Amino acid sequence: MADLKADANKRRNQRARALKKLHAVIDSVLLPAGYIGDKDHWTRNNIFARTSIAIQKSKYGNGCFINVSAANRYPLRAIAYPLGPSVGVHRIADFVDAQKRLKAFDLHDYNELENNSVLLDTITSVLRDRALPWLNYCHTLRGAYNLPKPMDYLK
């Protein structure tokens, strides 16, 4: 019984350390861009869109997902395109080239986040170079009428 409790405490501490590193990475990219961070969620609002990035804990493993979403807020959009997509929810892996997309990049293991600086650098570059331009475009008038696909932002 004591071993189970010790193992649970070890995993909890590892998760806390990994999330601290992941928060630092995400803060370094999103806070200068005008996002407001609250626990595991960063948001930015204007009259055209509400965009966010969230860390979602996995139910099935010792890891997490990074979700990227945009919701159109432009009032005339509903009249102009009543049936078009107005919400886009993606995982950060959607912003990675198909040949480079690995299942491991979708689910970020806490052990890898804690000990693998290359993974953190990759997450930083994908957020900065691909996800953030997509989110910024969603905050424009053109983006309010037509949500772009993440594949449009692959380099």
Protein backbone atom coordinates (compact mmCIF):
# COMPACT_ATOMS: atom_id res chain seq x y z
CA MET A 1 0.00 0.00 0.00
CA ALA A 2 2.84 2.35 0.85
CA ASP A 3 4.46 1.59 -2.52
CA LEU A 4 1.30 2.61 -4.38
CA LYS A 5 1.11 5.86 -2.46
CA ALA A 6 4.79 6.58 -3.08
CA ASP A 7 4.35 5.81 -6.79
CA ALA A 8 1.34 8.14 -7.02
CA ASN A 9 3.30 10.92 -5.29
CA LYS A 10 6.23 10.36 -7.66
CA ARG A 11 3.96 10.67 -10.72
CA ARG A 12 2.25 13.75 -9.27
CA ASN A 13 5.60 15.43 -8.63
CA GLN A 14 6.86 14.52 -12.08
CA ARG A 15 3.69 15.98 -13.64
CA ALA A 16 4.15 19.21 -11.66
CA ARG A 17 7.79 19.56 -12.78
CA ALA A 18 6.96 18.81 -16.43
CA LEU A 19 4.02 21.23 -16.48
CA LYS A 20 6.20 23.95 -14.96
CA LYS A 21 8.62 23.59 -17.89
CA LEU A 22 5.77 23.45 -20.42
CA HIS A 23 4.18 26.56 -18.89
CA ALA A 24 7.47 28.43 -19.22
CA VAL A 25 7.67 27.47 -22.91
CA ILE A 26 4.09 28.47 -23.67
CA ASP A 27 4.36 31.69 -21.64
CA SER A 28 7.49 32.70 -23.56
CA VAL A 29 5.57 32.49 -26.85
CA LEU A 30 2.06 33.62 -25.93
CA LEU A 31 2.44 36.35 -23.31
CA PRO A 32 4.35 38.73 -25.65
CA ALA A 33 1.56 38.14 -28.22
CA GLY A 34 -1.10 39.48 -25.85
CA TYR A 35 -2.46 36.24 -24.41
CA ILE A 36 -3.61 36.02 -20.82
CA GLY A 37 -2.61 32.87 -18.95
CA ASP A 38 -4.77 31.19 -16.32
CA LYS A 39 -3.51 27.84 -14.99
CA ASP A 40 -3.42 25.54 -18.04
CA HIS A 41 -5.27 27.90 -20.39
CA TRP A 42 -4.18 30.97 -22.40
CA THR A 43 -6.74 33.18 -24.17
CA ARG A 44 -6.89 36.27 -26.34
CA ASN A 45 -10.07 38.12 -27.37
CA ASN A 46 -10.98 40.81 -29.85
CA ILE A 47 -14.11 41.65 -31.84
CA PHE A 48 -13.30 39.04 -34.50
CA ALA A 49 -12.31 35.95 -32.52
CA ARG A 50 -11.55 34.32 -29.22
CA THR A 51 -8.47 32.13 -29.48
CA SER A 52 -6.96 29.88 -26.87
CA ILE A 53 -4.32 27.30 -26.15
CA ALA A 54 -4.97 24.77 -23.40
CA ILE A 55 -3.11 21.90 -21.82
CA GLN A 56 -5.38 18.88 -21.47
CA LYS A 57 -4.46 16.05 -19.12
CA SER A 58 -4.66 12.61 -20.70
CA LYS A 59 -7.06 10.12 -19.13
CA TYR A 60 -5.12 7.12 -20.39
CA GLY A 61 -1.49 7.84 -19.75
CA ASN A 62 1.04 9.90 -17.92
CA GLY A 63 0.94 12.79 -20.37
CA CYS A 64 -0.95 15.73 -21.80
CA PHE A 65 -2.21 17.23 -25.05
CA ILE A 66 -1.88 20.82 -26.25
CA ASN A 67 -5.12 22.06 -27.81
CA VAL A 68 -5.26 25.11 -30.08
CA SER A 69 -8.68 26.66 -30.75
CA ALA A 70 -10.35 29.65 -32.34
CA ALA A 71 -13.99 30.76 -32.22
CA ASN A 72 -15.29 33.49 -34.50
CA ARG A 73 -17.04 36.36 -32.76
CA TYR A 74 -17.68 38.66 -35.69
CA PRO A 75 -21.45 39.35 -35.62
CA LEU A 76 -21.99 39.63 -39.39
CA ARG A 77 -20.33 36.28 -40.01
CA ALA A 78 -23.45 34.38 -38.97
CA ILE A 79 -25.49 36.26 -41.57
CA ALA A 80 -22.93 35.96 -44.37
CA TYR A 81 -22.00 32.29 -43.83
CA PRO A 82 -24.63 30.64 -41.62
CA LEU A 83 -23.45 27.10 -42.28
CA GLY A 84 -19.68 27.57 -42.42
CA PRO A 85 -17.30 26.55 -39.65
CA SER A 86 -17.04 29.14 -36.92
CA VAL A 87 -15.00 27.13 -34.41
CA GLY A 88 -11.70 25.40 -35.02
CA VAL A 89 -10.21 23.07 -32.41
CA HIS A 90 -6.90 21.40 -33.20
CA ARG A 91 -4.08 19.63 -31.47
CA ILE A 92 -0.61 21.06 -31.81
CA ALA A 93 0.30 17.98 -33.86
CA ASP A 94 -1.98 19.32 -36.63
CA PHE A 95 0.60 22.05 -37.23
CA VAL A 96 3.39 19.54 -37.91
CA ASP A 97 4.19 18.13 -41.36
CA ALA A 98 2.42 14.83 -42.04
CA GLN A 99 5.68 12.94 -42.54
CA LYS A 100 7.04 14.32 -39.28
CA ARG A 101 3.79 13.90 -37.35
CA LEU A 102 4.27 11.21 -34.79
CA LYS A 103 1.81 9.87 -32.29
CA ALA A 104 4.38 10.79 -29.66
CA PHE A 105 4.13 14.45 -30.69
CA ASP A 106 0.38 14.43 -30.09
CA LEU A 107 0.54 13.00 -26.57
CA HIS A 108 3.34 14.64 -24.61
CA ASP A 109 4.60 12.27 -21.94
CA TYR A 110 5.50 14.01 -18.67
CA ASN A 111 8.78 12.10 -18.46
CA GLU A 112 9.74 13.32 -21.95
CA LEU A 113 8.70 16.89 -21.16
CA GLU A 114 10.77 16.87 -18.00
CA ASN A 115 13.93 15.32 -19.46
CA ASN A 116 13.92 16.10 -23.20
CA SER A 117 14.90 19.67 -24.04
CA VAL A 118 14.70 18.90 -27.79
CA LEU A 119 10.97 18.18 -27.41
CA LEU A 120 10.45 21.48 -25.59
CA ASP A 121 12.37 23.31 -28.32
CA THR A 122 10.19 21.62 -30.96
CA ILE A 123 7.02 22.62 -29.12
CA THR A 124 8.32 26.20 -28.88
CA SER A 125 9.08 26.41 -32.61
CA VAL A 126 5.74 24.88 -33.64
CA LEU A 127 3.86 27.28 -31.37
CA ARG A 128 5.85 30.33 -32.49
CA ASP A 129 6.19 29.61 -36.22
CA ARG A 130 2.94 27.80 -37.05
CA ALA A 131 0.23 27.92 -34.38
CA LEU A 132 0.65 31.58 -33.41
CA PRO A 133 0.42 32.91 -37.02
CA TRP A 134 -2.74 30.80 -37.46
CA LEU A 135 -4.21 32.24 -34.27
CA ASN A 136 -3.23 35.79 -35.28
CA TYR A 137 -4.94 35.35 -38.66
CA CYS A 138 -8.13 34.28 -36.85
CA HIS A 139 -8.11 37.72 -35.15
CA THR A 140 -8.44 39.54 -38.48
CA LEU A 141 -11.57 40.42 -40.46
CA ARG A 142 -10.65 37.93 -43.18
CA GLY A 143 -10.03 35.22 -40.58
CA ALA A 144 -13.42 35.94 -39.01
CA TYR A 145 -15.13 35.03 -42.28
CA ASN A 146 -13.04 32.02 -43.14
CA LEU A 147 -11.12 30.02 -40.55
CA PRO A 148 -7.92 28.77 -42.15
CA LYS A 149 -6.74 25.19 -41.88
CA PRO A 150 -3.61 24.45 -39.83
CA MET A 151 -2.12 22.78 -42.90
CA ASP A 152 -2.04 26.22 -44.54
CA TYR A 153 0.60 27.22 -41.99
CA LEU A 154 3.04 24.38 -42.56
CA LYS A 155 6.44 25.53 -43.79
